[in-house]
Amino acid sequence: MTIANIPSDFLNNILHHGYLIIFLLVFLQEVGVPNPIPNELVLIFSGYLGYTGMLNAVWVILSAFAGDMLGSGILFTLFFIFGKTIMARKPRWIPISRKKLDKLSRKIQRKGFAGVFLGRISPFIRGYVAVLLGLMNYPVRKYAVVLPATALLWACFYVMAGYVIGPYWQSVSGYLIGFRMGMGIFPLATLSYISYRLWIRQKAIRMKRLNYNAGSFE
């Protein structure tokens, strides 16, 4: 069995070892170990296997959830405690410049909790968010809330996407890289819209308060 640039030995590992392989792949990538096959693609394919009955979709989600929780939790803790020492040496496995790290950090700080949440579900940068939050000494209690919420949302979204496209797998499997990009943009766009609407609402409330205060002085 082969699909969209995915090695057959990888597919066979998924089929034979199932949930353990899913957990390990997600964990290793989230903790910073390079993997040529993106986690999102792993989950989409695993969701398809859930559709075929070869795997249980619920257990796939739980395996990915556990791998993300453990990997991201370790990475956050590591940089929370030893961040300054690690960055002083700038390990090669952090393939992003200090300038980009600082820029991303400012964006997260500017958007607050919404920025953290968006970063945690966004492909390509979600792995760096744990690093940044650790370096920023982000409150552990807040991270303990956002980590499981985003891990579950992320796992559910991609696994169920694979499950839903199951009947059309032969037609769409060759375009999975494009699907991955699109499905990464969809949740990001949705949450960006929600954040924008909340910002508009807060701005309207502030304007009402200003008008009220101005009227009270007349």
N, C-alpha and C. Protein backbone atom coordinates (compact mmCIF):
# COMPACT_ATOMS: atom_id res chain seq x y z
N MET A 1 0.86 -1.20 0.00
CA MET A 1 0.00 0.00 0.00
C MET A 1 0.89 1.24 0.00
N THR A 2 0.64 2.15 -0.93
CA THR A 2 1.42 3.39 -0.98
C THR A 2 0.49 4.57 -1.21
N ILE A 3 0.82 5.69 -0.62
CA ILE A 3 0.05 6.91 -0.85
C ILE A 3 1.00 8.10 -0.84
N ALA A 4 0.76 9.02 -1.72
CA ALA A 4 1.31 10.38 -1.69
C ALA A 4 2.67 10.53 -1.04
N ASN A 5 3.71 9.95 -1.64
CA ASN A 5 5.08 10.15 -1.17
C ASN A 5 5.35 9.58 0.22
N ILE A 6 4.51 8.69 0.71
CA ILE A 6 4.73 8.07 2.02
C ILE A 6 5.35 6.70 1.80
N PRO A 7 6.51 6.41 2.40
CA PRO A 7 7.17 5.12 2.20
C PRO A 7 6.29 3.96 2.64
N SER A 8 6.36 2.86 1.90
CA SER A 8 5.54 1.69 2.21
C SER A 8 5.90 1.09 3.56
N ASP A 9 7.20 1.15 3.95
CA ASP A 9 7.57 0.60 5.25
C ASP A 9 6.93 1.37 6.38
N PHE A 10 6.74 2.68 6.20
CA PHE A 10 6.05 3.49 7.20
C PHE A 10 4.59 3.04 7.33
N LEU A 11 3.95 2.84 6.19
CA LEU A 11 2.56 2.40 6.20
C LEU A 11 2.42 1.04 6.87
N ASN A 12 3.37 0.15 6.59
CA ASN A 12 3.33 -1.17 7.20
C ASN A 12 3.51 -1.09 8.71
N ASN A 13 4.36 -0.17 9.17
CA ASN A 13 4.53 0.01 10.62
C ASN A 13 3.25 0.47 11.28
N ILE A 14 2.55 1.40 10.60
CA ILE A 14 1.27 1.87 11.12
C ILE A 14 0.28 0.71 11.23
N LEU A 15 0.25 -0.11 10.20
CA LEU A 15 -0.70 -1.21 10.16
C LEU A 15 -0.39 -2.29 11.19
N HIS A 16 0.90 -2.57 11.40
CA HIS A 16 1.29 -3.66 12.29
C HIS A 16 1.38 -3.24 13.76
N HIS A 17 1.81 -1.99 14.01
CA HIS A 17 2.02 -1.56 15.39
C HIS A 17 0.99 -0.53 15.84
N GLY A 18 0.22 -0.03 14.89
CA GLY A 18 -0.92 0.82 15.19
C GLY A 18 -0.69 1.95 16.14
N TYR A 19 -1.36 1.91 17.28
CA TYR A 19 -1.43 3.03 18.20
C TYR A 19 -0.07 3.39 18.80
N LEU A 20 0.79 2.39 19.01
CA LEU A 20 2.11 2.66 19.58
C LEU A 20 2.94 3.51 18.61
N ILE A 21 2.90 3.16 17.33
CA ILE A 21 3.64 3.92 16.33
C ILE A 21 3.10 5.34 16.21
N ILE A 22 1.79 5.48 16.24
CA ILE A 22 1.18 6.82 16.17
C ILE A 22 1.63 7.66 17.36
N PHE A 23 1.58 7.07 18.55
CA PHE A 23 2.03 7.78 19.75
C PHE A 23 3.48 8.20 19.63
N LEU A 24 4.35 7.27 19.20
CA LEU A 24 5.78 7.56 19.13
C LEU A 24 6.09 8.61 18.07
N LEU A 25 5.45 8.52 16.91
CA LEU A 25 5.70 9.50 15.85
C LEU A 25 5.30 10.91 16.29
N VAL A 26 4.13 11.00 16.90
CA VAL A 26 3.68 12.31 17.38
C VAL A 26 4.60 12.82 18.49
N PHE A 27 4.89 11.95 19.43
CA PHE A 27 5.75 12.34 20.57
C PHE A 27 7.12 12.83 20.09
N LEU A 28 7.78 12.04 19.23
CA LEU A 28 9.13 12.40 18.79
C LEU A 28 9.15 13.71 18.04
N GLN A 29 8.16 13.92 17.16
CA GLN A 29 8.15 15.17 16.41
C GLN A 29 7.84 16.36 17.30
N GLU A 30 6.94 16.17 18.27
CA GLU A 30 6.60 17.28 19.16
C GLU A 30 7.73 17.60 20.13
N VAL A 31 8.56 16.61 20.44
CA VAL A 31 9.67 16.87 21.36
C VAL A 31 10.88 17.42 20.61
N GLY A 32 10.79 17.47 19.27
CA GLY A 32 11.84 18.11 18.49
C GLY A 32 12.67 17.20 17.61
N VAL A 33 12.35 15.91 17.55
CA VAL A 33 13.10 14.99 16.70
C VAL A 33 12.56 15.08 15.28
N PRO A 34 13.40 15.40 14.30
CA PRO A 34 12.93 15.57 12.91
C PRO A 34 12.28 14.30 12.38
N ASN A 35 11.21 14.48 11.62
CA ASN A 35 10.50 13.37 11.01
C ASN A 35 10.11 13.79 9.60
N PRO A 36 10.49 13.02 8.58
CA PRO A 36 10.18 13.42 7.19
C PRO A 36 8.69 13.40 6.88
N ILE A 37 7.91 12.72 7.70
CA ILE A 37 6.47 12.63 7.47
C ILE A 37 5.77 13.48 8.53
N PRO A 38 5.11 14.57 8.15
CA PRO A 38 4.46 15.45 9.12
C PRO A 38 3.41 14.71 9.94
N ASN A 39 3.27 15.12 11.19
CA ASN A 39 2.28 14.50 12.06
C ASN A 39 0.87 14.61 11.51
N GLU A 40 0.57 15.73 10.86
CA GLU A 40 -0.77 15.90 10.31
C GLU A 40 -1.07 14.82 9.27
N LEU A 41 -0.07 14.48 8.47
CA LEU A 41 -0.26 13.45 7.46
C LEU A 41 -0.41 12.08 8.12
N VAL A 42 0.33 11.85 9.19
CA VAL A 42 0.20 10.61 9.95
C VAL A 42 -1.23 10.45 10.47
N LEU A 43 -1.78 11.53 11.01
CA LEU A 43 -3.11 11.46 11.60
C LEU A 43 -4.20 11.32 10.53
N ILE A 44 -4.01 11.98 9.39
CA ILE A 44 -4.99 11.84 8.31
C ILE A 44 -5.03 10.39 7.83
N PHE A 45 -3.86 9.80 7.64
CA PHE A 45 -3.81 8.41 7.19
C PHE A 45 -4.38 7.48 8.25
N SER A 46 -4.08 7.76 9.51
CA SER A 46 -4.61 6.95 10.60
C SER A 46 -6.13 7.07 10.70
N GLY A 47 -6.63 8.28 10.41
CA GLY A 47 -8.08 8.47 10.37
C GLY A 47 -8.71 7.66 9.26
N TYR A 48 -8.03 7.57 8.13
CA TYR A 48 -8.52 6.74 7.03
C TYR A 48 -8.56 5.27 7.45
N LEU A 49 -7.52 4.82 8.15
CA LEU A 49 -7.51 3.44 8.65
C LEU A 49 -8.64 3.22 9.65
N GLY A 50 -9.00 4.28 10.37
CA GLY A 50 -10.16 4.18 11.25
C GLY A 50 -11.43 3.97 10.45
N TYR A 51 -11.53 4.63 9.32
CA TYR A 51 -12.71 4.46 8.46
C TYR A 51 -12.79 3.03 7.93
N THR A 52 -11.63 2.47 7.55
CA THR A 52 -11.62 1.11 7.00
C THR A 52 -11.87 0.05 8.06
N GLY A 53 -11.74 0.42 9.33
CA GLY A 53 -11.93 -0.54 10.40
C GLY A 53 -10.64 -1.20 10.85
N MET A 54 -9.51 -0.85 10.20
CA MET A 54 -8.22 -1.42 10.60
C MET A 54 -7.75 -0.88 11.94
N LEU A 55 -8.14 0.36 12.24
CA LEU A 55 -7.83 0.97 13.53
C LEU A 55 -9.12 1.57 14.09
N ASN A 56 -9.10 1.82 15.39
CA ASN A 56 -10.22 2.49 16.03
C ASN A 56 -9.92 3.98 16.10
N ALA A 57 -10.78 4.81 15.49
CA ALA A 57 -10.52 6.24 15.39
C ALA A 57 -10.37 6.89 16.76
N VAL A 58 -11.14 6.43 17.74
CA VAL A 58 -11.05 7.00 19.10
C VAL A 58 -9.69 6.73 19.69
N TRP A 59 -9.18 5.50 19.52
CA TRP A 59 -7.86 5.17 20.07
C TRP A 59 -6.74 5.89 19.31
N VAL A 60 -6.96 6.14 18.03
CA VAL A 60 -5.99 6.94 17.26
C VAL A 60 -5.90 8.35 17.84
N ILE A 61 -7.05 8.95 18.11
CA ILE A 61 -7.09 10.29 18.69
C ILE A 61 -6.42 10.31 20.05
N LEU A 62 -6.73 9.32 20.87
CA LEU A 62 -6.13 9.26 22.21
C LEU A 62 -4.62 9.06 22.14
N SER A 63 -4.16 8.25 21.19
CA SER A 63 -2.71 8.02 21.03
C SER A 63 -2.00 9.30 20.62
N ALA A 64 -2.60 10.02 19.64
CA ALA A 64 -2.01 11.28 19.19
C ALA A 64 -2.06 12.32 20.31
N PHE A 65 -3.17 12.36 21.03
CA PHE A 65 -3.34 13.29 22.15
C PHE A 65 -2.25 13.05 23.21
N ALA A 66 -2.04 11.78 23.56
CA ALA A 66 -1.03 11.45 24.57
C ALA A 66 0.38 11.80 24.09
N GLY A 67 0.67 11.52 22.82
CA GLY A 67 1.99 11.85 22.28
C GLY A 67 2.25 13.34 22.26
N ASP A 68 1.23 14.10 21.87
CA ASP A 68 1.36 15.56 21.84
C ASP A 68 1.52 16.12 23.25
N MET A 69 0.70 15.65 24.16
CA MET A 69 0.77 16.12 25.55
C MET A 69 2.16 15.88 26.14
N LEU A 70 2.65 14.66 25.97
CA LEU A 70 3.95 14.32 26.56
C LEU A 70 5.09 15.07 25.88
N GLY A 71 5.10 15.07 24.55
CA GLY A 71 6.18 15.73 23.82
C GLY A 71 6.22 17.22 24.06
N SER A 72 5.07 17.88 23.91
CA SER A 72 5.00 19.33 24.11
C SER A 72 5.23 19.70 25.57
N GLY A 73 4.76 18.85 26.47
CA GLY A 73 4.97 19.10 27.90
C GLY A 73 6.44 19.05 28.28
N ILE A 74 7.15 18.06 27.74
CA ILE A 74 8.59 17.93 28.02
C ILE A 74 9.34 19.12 27.43
N LEU A 75 9.00 19.49 26.19
CA LEU A 75 9.71 20.59 25.54
C LEU A 75 9.49 21.90 26.30
N PHE A 76 8.25 22.15 26.71
CA PHE A 76 7.96 23.35 27.48
C PHE A 76 8.74 23.37 28.79
N THR A 77 8.72 22.26 29.51
CA THR A 77 9.42 22.17 30.80
C THR A 77 10.91 22.36 30.63
N LEU A 78 11.47 21.75 29.59
CA LEU A 78 12.91 21.85 29.33
C LEU A 78 13.33 23.29 29.12
N PHE A 79 12.58 24.03 28.31
CA PHE A 79 12.95 25.42 28.02
C PHE A 79 12.51 26.36 29.13
N PHE A 80 11.53 25.96 29.90
CA PHE A 80 11.11 26.76 31.05
C PHE A 80 12.23 26.80 32.10
N ILE A 81 12.90 25.66 32.27
CA ILE A 81 13.94 25.54 33.31
C ILE A 81 15.33 25.88 32.77
N PHE A 82 15.65 25.35 31.57
CA PHE A 82 17.01 25.49 31.05
C PHE A 82 17.07 26.32 29.77
N GLY A 83 16.04 27.11 29.50
CA GLY A 83 15.95 27.84 28.24
C GLY A 83 17.15 28.71 27.92
N LYS A 84 17.58 29.51 28.88
CA LYS A 84 18.69 30.43 28.63
C LYS A 84 19.98 29.68 28.29
N THR A 85 20.23 28.60 29.00
CA THR A 85 21.44 27.80 28.74
C THR A 85 21.38 27.15 27.37
N ILE A 86 20.22 26.62 27.02
CA ILE A 86 20.06 25.97 25.72
C ILE A 86 20.23 26.96 24.58
N MET A 87 19.58 28.12 24.68
CA MET A 87 19.64 29.10 23.60
C MET A 87 21.01 29.73 23.47
N ALA A 88 21.79 29.73 24.54
CA ALA A 88 23.14 30.28 24.48
C ALA A 88 24.01 29.45 23.52
N ARG A 89 23.68 28.16 23.42
CA ARG A 89 24.42 27.28 22.52
C ARG A 89 23.71 27.09 21.19
N LYS A 90 22.41 27.45 21.10
CA LYS A 90 21.59 27.37 19.89
C LYS A 90 21.76 26.01 19.18
N PRO A 91 21.13 24.97 19.71
CA PRO A 91 21.24 23.65 19.09
C PRO A 91 20.79 23.64 17.63
N ARG A 92 21.38 22.75 16.86
CA ARG A 92 21.04 22.66 15.44
C ARG A 92 19.61 22.19 15.22
N TRP A 93 19.05 21.46 16.19
CA TRP A 93 17.69 20.95 15.99
C TRP A 93 16.63 22.03 16.17
N ILE A 94 17.07 23.28 16.40
CA ILE A 94 16.13 24.40 16.38
C ILE A 94 16.42 25.20 15.11
N PRO A 95 15.85 24.77 13.98
CA PRO A 95 16.19 25.39 12.68
C PRO A 95 15.45 26.70 12.45
N ILE A 96 15.57 27.61 13.39
CA ILE A 96 14.93 28.91 13.26
C ILE A 96 15.82 29.95 13.94
N SER A 97 15.98 31.09 13.33
CA SER A 97 16.89 32.10 13.84
C SER A 97 16.33 32.77 15.09
N ARG A 98 17.21 33.38 15.86
CA ARG A 98 16.78 34.11 17.07
C ARG A 98 15.83 35.25 16.68
N LYS A 99 16.11 35.88 15.53
CA LYS A 99 15.26 36.99 15.09
C LYS A 99 13.83 36.52 14.87
N LYS A 100 13.66 35.36 14.22
CA LYS A 100 12.32 34.83 13.98
C LYS A 100 11.66 34.38 15.28
N LEU A 101 12.46 33.82 16.18
CA LEU A 101 11.93 33.43 17.48
C LEU A 101 11.40 34.65 18.23
N ASP A 102 12.18 35.73 18.20
CA ASP A 102 11.76 36.96 18.88
C ASP A 102 10.49 37.53 18.25
N LYS A 103 10.43 37.49 16.91
CA LYS A 103 9.26 38.02 16.20
C LYS A 103 8.02 37.22 16.54
N LEU A 104 8.14 35.90 16.54
CA LEU A 104 7.01 35.03 16.89
C LEU A 104 6.60 35.22 18.34
N SER A 105 7.60 35.41 19.20
CA SER A 105 7.33 35.64 20.62
C SER A 105 6.53 36.92 20.83
N ARG A 106 6.89 37.98 20.10
CA ARG A 106 6.17 39.25 20.23
C ARG A 106 4.72 39.12 19.76
N LYS A 107 4.52 38.34 18.69
CA LYS A 107 3.16 38.12 18.19
C LYS A 107 2.31 37.41 19.23
N ILE A 108 2.89 36.40 19.85
CA ILE A 108 2.15 35.63 20.87
C ILE A 108 1.82 36.50 22.06
N GLN A 109 2.80 37.30 22.49
CA GLN A 109 2.58 38.18 23.64
C GLN A 109 1.52 39.23 23.33
N ARG A 110 1.52 39.73 22.09
CA ARG A 110 0.56 40.77 21.71
C ARG A 110 -0.87 40.23 21.68
N LYS A 111 -1.05 38.99 21.22
CA LYS A 111 -2.39 38.41 21.12
C LYS A 111 -2.83 37.69 22.38
N GLY A 112 -1.91 37.51 23.33
CA GLY A 112 -2.27 36.89 24.59
C GLY A 112 -2.67 35.43 24.45
N PHE A 113 -3.70 35.04 25.19
CA PHE A 113 -4.13 33.64 25.21
C PHE A 113 -4.56 33.17 23.83
N ALA A 114 -5.23 34.06 23.07
CA ALA A 114 -5.66 33.69 21.72
C ALA A 114 -4.46 33.37 20.83
N GLY A 115 -3.37 34.12 21.00
CA GLY A 115 -2.16 33.87 20.23
C GLY A 115 -1.53 32.53 20.56
N VAL A 116 -1.53 32.20 21.84
CA VAL A 116 -1.00 30.90 22.29
C VAL A 116 -1.84 29.77 21.69
N PHE A 117 -3.15 29.93 21.78
CA PHE A 117 -4.06 28.90 21.28
C PHE A 117 -3.90 28.71 19.77
N LEU A 118 -3.86 29.81 19.03
CA LEU A 118 -3.69 29.74 17.59
C LEU A 118 -2.35 29.11 17.21
N GLY A 119 -1.31 29.50 17.92
CA GLY A 119 0.01 28.96 17.63
C GLY A 119 0.08 27.46 17.86
N ARG A 120 -0.62 27.00 18.88
CA ARG A 120 -0.58 25.58 19.23
C ARG A 120 -1.32 24.69 18.24
N ILE A 121 -2.23 25.25 17.44
CA ILE A 121 -2.94 24.42 16.47
C ILE A 121 -2.50 24.69 15.04
N SER A 122 -1.51 25.56 14.87
CA SER A 122 -1.06 25.93 13.53
C SER A 122 0.09 25.04 13.07
N PRO A 123 -0.06 24.38 11.91
CA PRO A 123 1.05 23.59 11.37
C PRO A 123 2.28 24.44 11.17
N PHE A 124 3.43 23.80 11.16
CA PHE A 124 4.73 24.42 10.91
C PHE A 124 5.29 25.19 12.12
N ILE A 125 4.43 25.84 12.92
CA ILE A 125 4.96 26.61 14.04
C ILE A 125 4.56 26.04 15.40
N ARG A 126 3.62 25.09 15.42
CA ARG A 126 3.10 24.61 16.70
C ARG A 126 4.20 24.01 17.58
N GLY A 127 5.19 23.37 16.93
CA GLY A 127 6.27 22.79 17.70
C GLY A 127 7.15 23.83 18.38
N TYR A 128 7.26 25.01 17.74
CA TYR A 128 8.09 26.06 18.30
C TYR A 128 7.38 26.83 19.41
N VAL A 129 6.06 26.71 19.45
CA VAL A 129 5.30 27.45 20.46
C VAL A 129 5.66 26.97 21.86
N ALA A 130 5.82 25.66 22.03
CA ALA A 130 6.21 25.12 23.33
C ALA A 130 7.57 25.67 23.76
N VAL A 131 8.48 25.79 22.78
CA VAL A 131 9.81 26.35 23.05
C VAL A 131 9.68 27.81 23.49
N LEU A 132 8.92 28.59 22.72
CA LEU A 132 8.77 30.01 23.03
C LEU A 132 8.11 30.23 24.38
N LEU A 133 7.06 29.47 24.66
CA LEU A 133 6.37 29.65 25.94
C LEU A 133 7.28 29.30 27.11
N GLY A 134 8.12 28.28 26.91
CA GLY A 134 9.07 27.94 27.96
C GLY A 134 10.08 29.06 28.18
N LEU A 135 10.61 29.61 27.07
CA LEU A 135 11.57 30.70 27.17
C LEU A 135 10.95 31.94 27.80
N MET A 136 9.64 32.15 27.54
CA MET A 136 8.94 33.32 28.07
C MET A 136 8.50 33.10 29.51
N ASN A 137 8.77 31.89 30.05
CA ASN A 137 8.28 31.53 31.40
C ASN A 137 6.77 31.75 31.50
N TYR A 138 6.08 31.26 30.47
CA TYR A 138 4.63 31.35 30.44
C TYR A 138 4.07 30.63 31.66
N PRO A 139 3.05 31.19 32.31
CA PRO A 139 2.51 30.58 33.54
C PRO A 139 2.13 29.11 33.33
N VAL A 140 2.63 28.27 34.21
CA VAL A 140 2.41 26.83 34.09
C VAL A 140 0.92 26.50 34.15
N ARG A 141 0.18 27.19 35.00
CA ARG A 141 -1.25 26.92 35.13
C ARG A 141 -1.98 27.18 33.82
N LYS A 142 -1.62 28.26 33.14
CA LYS A 142 -2.27 28.57 31.86
C LYS A 142 -1.88 27.55 30.80
N TYR A 143 -0.61 27.13 30.81
CA TYR A 143 -0.18 26.14 29.83
C TYR A 143 -0.86 24.80 30.09
N ALA A 144 -1.11 24.51 31.35
CA ALA A 144 -1.80 23.27 31.70
C ALA A 144 -3.24 23.24 31.20
N VAL A 145 -3.78 24.41 30.87
CA VAL A 145 -5.12 24.50 30.29
C VAL A 145 -5.06 24.44 28.77
N VAL A 146 -4.16 25.23 28.18
CA VAL A 146 -4.11 25.33 26.72
C VAL A 146 -3.53 24.07 26.08
N LEU A 147 -2.62 23.38 26.77
CA LEU A 147 -1.98 22.19 26.19
C LEU A 147 -2.98 21.08 25.89
N PRO A 148 -3.76 20.60 26.87
CA PRO A 148 -4.71 19.52 26.56
C PRO A 148 -5.81 19.96 25.60
N ALA A 149 -6.24 21.22 25.71
CA ALA A 149 -7.32 21.69 24.83
C ALA A 149 -6.87 21.68 23.37
N THR A 150 -5.69 22.21 23.11
CA THR A 150 -5.20 22.28 21.73
C THR A 150 -4.76 20.91 21.22
N ALA A 151 -4.20 20.09 22.10
CA ALA A 151 -3.78 18.75 21.70
C ALA A 151 -4.98 17.92 21.26
N LEU A 152 -6.08 18.02 22.00
CA LEU A 152 -7.28 17.26 21.65
C LEU A 152 -7.93 17.80 20.38
N LEU A 153 -8.01 19.13 20.25
CA LEU A 153 -8.60 19.73 19.06
C LEU A 153 -7.80 19.36 17.81
N TRP A 154 -6.49 19.47 17.91
CA TRP A 154 -5.59 19.16 16.80
C TRP A 154 -5.72 17.70 16.38
N ALA A 155 -5.69 16.79 17.35
CA ALA A 155 -5.79 15.37 17.04
C ALA A 155 -7.15 15.03 16.43
N CYS A 156 -8.21 15.53 17.03
CA CYS A 156 -9.57 15.25 16.53
C CYS A 156 -9.75 15.75 15.10
N PHE A 157 -9.25 16.95 14.84
CA PHE A 157 -9.46 17.55 13.53
C PHE A 157 -8.84 16.72 12.42
N TYR A 158 -7.57 16.35 12.56
CA TYR A 158 -6.89 15.65 11.48
C TYR A 158 -7.31 14.19 11.37
N VAL A 159 -7.55 13.54 12.49
CA VAL A 159 -8.01 12.14 12.44
C VAL A 159 -9.39 12.07 11.80
N MET A 160 -10.28 12.96 12.21
CA MET A 160 -11.64 12.94 11.65
C MET A 160 -11.63 13.37 10.18
N ALA A 161 -10.67 14.23 9.80
CA ALA A 161 -10.55 14.60 8.39
C ALA A 161 -10.23 13.36 7.56
N GLY A 162 -9.29 12.54 8.04
CA GLY A 162 -8.97 11.30 7.35
C GLY A 162 -10.14 10.34 7.31
N TYR A 163 -10.90 10.32 8.40
CA TYR A 163 -12.07 9.43 8.49
C TYR A 163 -13.14 9.87 7.48
N VAL A 164 -13.37 11.18 7.39
CA VAL A 164 -14.42 11.71 6.52
C VAL A 164 -14.09 11.49 5.04
N ILE A 165 -12.82 11.65 4.67
CA ILE A 165 -12.45 11.47 3.27
C ILE A 165 -12.20 10.01 2.93
N GLY A 166 -12.42 9.13 3.90
CA GLY A 166 -12.21 7.70 3.69
C GLY A 166 -12.84 7.13 2.44
N PRO A 167 -14.12 7.42 2.16
CA PRO A 167 -14.75 6.86 0.95
C PRO A 167 -14.12 7.34 -0.35
N TYR A 168 -13.41 8.47 -0.28
CA TYR A 168 -12.83 9.06 -1.49
C TYR A 168 -11.31 8.96 -1.49
N TRP A 169 -10.79 8.05 -0.67
CA TRP A 169 -9.35 7.99 -0.44
C TRP A 169 -8.55 7.83 -1.73
N GLN A 170 -8.97 6.93 -2.60
CA GLN A 170 -8.21 6.68 -3.82
C GLN A 170 -8.14 7.93 -4.70
N SER A 171 -9.14 8.76 -4.61
CA SER A 171 -9.17 9.96 -5.44
C SER A 171 -8.33 11.09 -4.88
N VAL A 172 -8.26 11.18 -3.55
CA VAL A 172 -7.61 12.35 -2.94
C VAL A 172 -6.24 12.06 -2.35
N SER A 173 -5.86 10.79 -2.26
CA SER A 173 -4.60 10.46 -1.57
C SER A 173 -3.39 11.10 -2.23
N GLY A 174 -3.45 11.31 -3.54
CA GLY A 174 -2.32 11.92 -4.23
C GLY A 174 -2.17 13.41 -3.97
N TYR A 175 -3.17 13.99 -3.32
CA TYR A 175 -3.16 15.44 -3.07
C TYR A 175 -3.11 15.75 -1.57
N LEU A 176 -2.61 14.80 -0.80
CA LEU A 176 -2.64 14.97 0.65
C LEU A 176 -1.80 16.14 1.15
N ILE A 177 -0.72 16.44 0.47
CA ILE A 177 0.09 17.58 0.90
C ILE A 177 -0.73 18.86 0.79
N GLY A 178 -1.48 18.99 -0.31
CA GLY A 178 -2.35 20.14 -0.46
C GLY A 178 -3.45 20.14 0.58
N PHE A 179 -4.01 18.96 0.86
CA PHE A 179 -5.04 18.86 1.89
C PHE A 179 -4.49 19.28 3.24
N ARG A 180 -3.27 18.88 3.51
CA ARG A 180 -2.66 19.23 4.79
C ARG A 180 -2.55 20.73 4.94
N MET A 181 -2.12 21.40 3.86
CA MET A 181 -2.01 22.85 3.90
C MET A 181 -3.38 23.48 4.14
N GLY A 182 -4.38 22.99 3.40
CA GLY A 182 -5.72 23.54 3.53
C GLY A 182 -6.31 23.33 4.90
N MET A 183 -6.12 22.14 5.46
CA MET A 183 -6.68 21.85 6.76
C MET A 183 -5.93 22.57 7.87
N GLY A 184 -4.69 22.97 7.57
CA GLY A 184 -3.99 23.79 8.55
C GLY A 184 -4.50 25.22 8.53
N ILE A 185 -4.88 25.69 7.32
CA ILE A 185 -5.38 27.05 7.20
C ILE A 185 -6.79 27.18 7.76
N PHE A 186 -7.61 26.12 7.59
CA PHE A 186 -9.01 26.21 8.00
C PHE A 186 -9.18 26.52 9.48
N PRO A 187 -8.57 25.72 10.40
CA PRO A 187 -8.76 26.05 11.82
C PRO A 187 -8.12 27.38 12.19
N LEU A 188 -7.00 27.71 11.54
CA LEU A 188 -6.34 28.98 11.82
C LEU A 188 -7.23 30.15 11.39
N ALA A 189 -7.84 30.03 10.20
CA ALA A 189 -8.72 31.09 9.71
C ALA A 189 -9.96 31.23 10.59
N THR A 190 -10.50 30.09 11.02
CA THR A 190 -11.70 30.12 11.86
C THR A 190 -11.43 30.82 13.18
N LEU A 191 -10.33 30.44 13.83
CA LEU A 191 -10.01 31.04 15.12
C LEU A 191 -9.58 32.50 14.97
N SER A 192 -8.96 32.83 13.83
CA SER A 192 -8.61 34.22 13.58
C SER A 192 -9.87 35.07 13.46
N TYR A 193 -10.88 34.51 12.79
CA TYR A 193 -12.15 35.23 12.64
C TYR A 193 -12.80 35.45 14.00
N ILE A 194 -12.79 34.39 14.84
CA ILE A 194 -13.37 34.50 16.18
C ILE A 194 -12.63 35.57 16.99
N SER A 195 -11.30 35.57 16.90
CA SER A 195 -10.49 36.55 17.63
C SER A 195 -10.81 37.96 17.13
N TYR A 196 -10.99 38.10 15.82
CA TYR A 196 -11.31 39.41 15.24
C TYR A 196 -12.66 39.90 15.74
N ARG A 197 -13.66 39.01 15.78
CA ARG A 197 -14.97 39.39 16.25
C ARG A 197 -14.94 39.80 17.72
N LEU A 198 -14.15 39.08 18.52
CA LEU A 198 -14.01 39.44 19.93
C LEU A 198 -13.34 40.80 20.08
N TRP A 199 -12.36 41.07 19.23
CA TRP A 199 -11.66 42.36 19.27
C TRP A 199 -12.61 43.49 18.91
N ILE A 200 -13.43 43.27 17.88
CA ILE A 200 -14.43 44.27 17.48
C ILE A 200 -15.41 44.54 18.61
N ARG A 201 -15.85 43.47 19.27
CA ARG A 201 -16.79 43.63 20.38
C ARG A 201 -16.17 44.41 21.52
N GLN A 202 -14.92 44.06 21.87
CA GLN A 202 -14.25 44.78 22.95
C GLN A 202 -14.03 46.24 22.59
N LYS A 203 -13.71 46.51 21.32
CA LYS A 203 -13.51 47.88 20.88
C LYS A 203 -14.81 48.68 20.99
N ALA A 204 -15.93 48.04 20.63
CA ALA A 204 -17.24 48.71 20.73
C ALA A 204 -17.58 49.02 22.19
N ILE A 205 -17.26 48.09 23.08
CA ILE A 205 -17.52 48.30 24.51
C ILE A 205 -16.69 49.47 25.04
N ARG A 206 -15.41 49.51 24.60
CA ARG A 206 -14.55 50.61 25.05
C ARG A 206 -15.06 51.95 24.54
N MET A 207 -15.54 51.98 23.30
CA MET A 207 -16.07 53.22 22.74
C MET A 207 -17.31 53.69 23.49
N LYS A 208 -18.17 52.75 23.87
CA LYS A 208 -19.37 53.09 24.64
C LYS A 208 -18.98 53.68 25.99
N ARG A 209 -17.97 53.10 26.61
CA ARG A 209 -17.52 53.60 27.90
C ARG A 209 -16.95 55.00 27.77
N LEU A 210 -16.15 55.22 26.70
CA LEU A 210 -15.57 56.54 26.49
C LEU A 210 -16.66 57.58 26.25
N ASN A 211 -17.67 57.22 25.44
CA ASN A 211 -18.77 58.14 25.17
C ASN A 211 -19.57 58.44 26.43
N TYR A 212 -19.74 57.38 27.26
CA TYR A 212 -20.48 57.56 28.51
C TYR A 212 -19.73 58.50 29.45
N ASN A 213 -18.38 58.25 29.56
CA ASN A 213 -17.58 59.11 30.44
C ASN A 213 -17.53 60.54 29.93
N ALA A 214 -17.45 60.69 28.60
CA ALA A 214 -17.44 62.04 28.03
C ALA A 214 -18.75 62.75 28.30
N GLY A 215 -19.87 62.04 28.21
CA GLY A 215 -21.16 62.64 28.46
C GLY A 215 -21.38 63.01 29.90
N SER A 216 -20.77 62.23 30.81
CA SER A 216 -20.94 62.49 32.23
C SER A 216 -20.24 63.77 32.67
N PHE A 217 -19.23 64.21 31.86
CA PHE A 217 -18.49 65.43 32.22
C PHE A 217 -19.10 66.69 31.60
N GLU A 218 -20.09 66.48 30.73
CA GLU A 218 -20.68 67.65 30.09
C GLU A 218 -21.66 68.36 31.00
